[in-house]
Amino acid sequence: MTETLTEPEDRVEVVEGAARRYFEALSARDPDAMAACWHPDGVEDIVPLGVFRGPQEIREMFADLFAAFPGLETRVTRVVADRDRAAVEWRMEGTFRGAPFQGIRPTGKRTSLRGIDCLVIDGEGRITQNTGYYDGAGFARDIGMLPRQNSNAERAMTMGFNAITKLRVRLGR
């Protein structure tokens, strides 16, 4: 049985180390090393994408991401940790020129994202939960799925949406 550390300073080091190991594996585009960081019952909730349960689902999602963005670069800009949680601020850049991702065909366009992950780490240094946040609409704009912000196309889309909303209100829907 693995001994858990009880000293506050030691726990903070374990938690920060676990978060950094996970993001080092992400930066190395190594889904197997990423999966090894997880507790068997771990849950990854990437807000714009969905919920992934267990190391295998998490591994598969990241393997798909790395296949879609073959040169993906991830850089950690800040880690804040306490006895059982870590917040990791990151930046990610890559070109969508590989395999399809989440049902979307590659566009050859580049994306530059920044986000934050809020991890819960158990006494053995394994991730039990993570909630990751990034700008999903910004990602969709970068890859060409949504029009650029403040563009004529975005204004036209907003006008169309508002016209449909107005019609639905009039029809009582």
Protein backbone atom coordinates (compact mmCIF):
# COMPACT_ATOMS: atom_id res chain seq x y z
CA MET A 1 0.00 0.00 0.00
CA THR A 2 1.26 3.45 -0.88
CA GLU A 3 1.84 5.69 2.12
CA THR A 4 0.16 9.07 1.96
CA LEU A 5 1.93 12.17 3.13
CA THR A 6 0.34 14.17 5.93
CA GLU A 7 2.59 17.19 6.37
CA PRO A 8 0.98 20.24 4.70
CA GLU A 9 4.16 21.24 2.85
CA ASP A 10 4.66 17.69 1.59
CA ARG A 11 1.04 17.45 0.39
CA VAL A 12 1.33 20.73 -1.51
CA GLU A 13 4.50 19.43 -3.19
CA VAL A 14 2.76 16.15 -4.09
CA VAL A 15 -0.26 17.97 -5.53
CA GLU A 16 1.82 20.47 -7.50
CA GLY A 17 4.12 17.70 -8.72
CA ALA A 18 1.16 15.60 -9.90
CA ALA A 19 -0.31 18.57 -11.79
CA ARG A 20 3.04 19.36 -13.40
CA ARG A 21 3.59 15.70 -14.41
CA TYR A 22 0.19 15.63 -16.08
CA PHE A 23 0.89 18.80 -18.04
CA GLU A 24 4.40 17.63 -18.94
CA ALA A 25 2.76 14.55 -20.50
CA LEU A 26 0.27 16.85 -22.27
CA SER A 27 3.10 19.02 -23.57
CA ALA A 28 4.90 15.88 -24.78
CA ARG A 29 1.66 14.77 -26.52
CA ASP A 30 1.82 11.45 -24.66
CA PRO A 31 -1.73 10.18 -23.96
CA ASP A 32 -0.44 7.04 -22.20
CA ALA A 33 1.61 9.09 -19.72
CA MET A 34 -1.41 11.36 -19.23
CA ALA A 35 -3.68 8.38 -18.50
CA ALA A 36 -1.16 7.07 -15.96
CA CYS A 37 -1.68 10.26 -13.91
CA TRP A 38 -5.34 9.41 -13.29
CA HIS A 39 -7.14 7.47 -10.59
CA PRO A 40 -9.16 4.59 -12.16
CA ASP A 41 -12.43 6.38 -11.27
CA GLY A 42 -11.20 9.83 -12.35
CA VAL A 43 -13.49 12.23 -14.19
CA GLU A 44 -12.27 14.84 -16.68
CA ASP A 45 -14.85 17.56 -17.42
CA ILE A 46 -13.62 19.72 -20.28
CA VAL A 47 -16.41 22.26 -20.31
CA PRO A 48 -16.57 23.00 -24.08
CA LEU A 49 -16.14 19.30 -25.03
CA GLY A 50 -17.76 17.03 -22.47
CA VAL A 51 -17.15 14.63 -19.61
CA PHE A 52 -14.65 11.78 -19.91
CA ARG A 53 -14.64 8.98 -17.33
CA GLY A 54 -11.63 6.92 -16.40
CA PRO A 55 -8.08 6.93 -17.75
CA GLN A 56 -9.02 5.12 -20.99
CA GLU A 57 -11.67 7.64 -22.12
CA ILE A 58 -9.34 10.50 -21.17
CA ARG A 59 -6.46 8.86 -23.05
CA GLU A 60 -8.61 8.35 -26.18
CA MET A 61 -9.86 11.95 -26.22
CA PHE A 62 -6.30 13.32 -25.98
CA ALA A 63 -5.02 10.82 -28.57
CA ASP A 64 -7.73 12.17 -30.91
CA LEU A 65 -6.70 15.76 -30.11
CA PHE A 66 -3.03 15.03 -30.83
CA ALA A 67 -3.97 13.28 -34.11
CA ALA A 68 -6.04 16.32 -35.16
CA PHE A 69 -3.36 18.84 -34.13
CA PRO A 70 -0.08 17.00 -34.85
CA GLY A 71 2.20 19.88 -33.84
CA LEU A 72 0.16 20.98 -30.82
CA GLU A 73 2.23 22.95 -28.32
CA THR A 74 1.13 23.35 -24.71
CA ARG A 75 2.81 25.67 -22.25
CA VAL A 76 2.00 26.03 -18.56
CA THR A 77 2.02 29.65 -17.43
CA ARG A 78 1.08 29.20 -13.76
CA VAL A 79 0.41 26.49 -11.18
CA VAL A 80 -1.21 27.18 -7.83
CA ALA A 81 -1.61 24.26 -5.42
CA ASP A 82 -2.80 23.45 -1.94
CA ARG A 83 -3.18 20.16 -0.04
CA ASP A 84 -5.53 18.48 -2.53
CA ARG A 85 -6.14 20.84 -5.46
CA ALA A 86 -4.17 22.53 -8.18
CA ALA A 87 -5.09 25.21 -10.69
CA VAL A 88 -3.04 25.13 -13.88
CA GLU A 89 -3.17 28.05 -16.29
CA TRP A 90 -2.00 27.13 -19.79
CA ARG A 91 -1.66 28.19 -23.41
CA MET A 92 -2.10 25.86 -26.35
CA GLU A 93 -1.31 26.46 -30.03
CA GLY A 94 -1.57 24.27 -33.06
CA THR A 95 -2.85 23.83 -36.59
CA PHE A 96 -5.91 21.69 -37.28
CA ARG A 97 -4.35 19.72 -40.15
CA GLY A 98 -4.48 16.10 -39.01
CA ALA A 99 -7.44 13.81 -38.33
CA PRO A 100 -11.01 14.94 -37.64
CA PHE A 101 -11.71 16.01 -34.06
CA GLN A 102 -15.07 15.70 -32.30
CA GLY A 103 -16.69 15.07 -35.68
CA ILE A 104 -15.14 18.17 -37.28
CA ARG A 105 -12.96 17.75 -40.36
CA PRO A 106 -9.56 19.49 -40.32
CA THR A 107 -9.55 23.00 -41.73
CA GLY A 108 -5.81 23.68 -41.85
CA LYS A 109 -6.36 26.69 -39.61
CA ARG A 110 -4.33 27.61 -36.55
CA THR A 111 -5.74 28.06 -33.07
CA SER A 112 -4.28 29.76 -30.04
CA LEU A 113 -6.08 29.07 -26.79
CA ARG A 114 -5.59 29.86 -23.17
CA GLY A 115 -7.35 28.06 -20.39
CA ILE A 116 -7.30 26.79 -16.86
CA ASP A 117 -7.68 23.35 -15.36
CA CYS A 118 -8.86 22.82 -11.78
CA LEU A 119 -7.55 19.46 -10.60
CA VAL A 120 -8.28 17.41 -7.49
CA ILE A 121 -5.40 15.12 -6.49
CA ASP A 122 -5.70 12.17 -4.09
CA GLY A 123 -3.27 11.15 -1.34
CA GLU A 124 -1.30 8.98 -3.79
CA GLY A 125 -0.74 11.83 -6.23
CA ARG A 126 -3.36 10.71 -8.76
CA ILE A 127 -5.93 12.99 -10.38
CA THR A 128 -9.47 12.17 -9.30
CA GLN A 129 -11.24 15.12 -10.93
CA ASN A 130 -10.44 17.86 -13.36
CA THR A 131 -12.57 20.64 -14.74
CA GLY A 132 -10.95 22.39 -17.69
CA TYR A 133 -12.11 25.70 -19.11
CA TYR A 134 -11.23 27.46 -22.35
CA ASP A 135 -13.07 29.68 -24.82
CA GLY A 136 -14.97 27.19 -26.99
CA ALA A 137 -16.39 29.95 -29.22
CA GLY A 138 -12.86 31.33 -29.71
CA PHE A 139 -11.69 27.85 -30.74
CA ALA A 140 -14.63 27.55 -33.17
CA ARG A 141 -13.73 30.97 -34.64
CA ASP A 142 -10.06 30.02 -34.99
CA ILE A 143 -10.81 26.85 -36.95
CA GLY A 144 -13.41 28.57 -39.15
CA MET A 145 -16.52 26.96 -37.67
CA LEU A 146 -17.85 30.35 -36.51
CA PRO A 147 -17.26 33.72 -38.16
CA ARG A 148 -14.61 36.07 -36.78
CA GLN A 149 -15.71 38.28 -33.90
CA ASN A 150 -17.16 41.65 -35.03
CA SER A 151 -17.08 40.59 -38.67
CA ASN A 152 -19.90 41.23 -41.16
CA ALA A 153 -20.63 37.50 -41.13
CA GLU A 154 -21.00 37.52 -37.34
CA ARG A 155 -23.30 40.54 -37.47
CA ALA A 156 -25.44 38.80 -40.13
CA MET A 157 -25.57 35.62 -38.05
CA THR A 158 -26.65 37.62 -34.97
CA MET A 159 -29.33 39.45 -36.97
CA GLY A 160 -30.66 36.14 -38.30
CA PHE A 161 -30.71 34.62 -34.82
CA ASN A 162 -32.53 37.66 -33.41
CA ALA A 163 -35.11 37.54 -36.24
CA ILE A 164 -35.83 33.87 -35.51
CA THR A 165 -36.05 34.57 -31.77
CA LYS A 166 -38.51 37.42 -32.40
CA LEU A 167 -40.63 35.13 -34.59
CA ARG A 168 -40.65 32.38 -31.95
CA VAL A 169 -41.78 34.87 -29.30
CA ARG A 170 -44.64 36.02 -31.56
CA LEU A 171 -45.68 32.41 -32.17
CA GLY A 172 -45.52 31.67 -28.46
CA ARG A 173 -42.68 29.12 -28.66
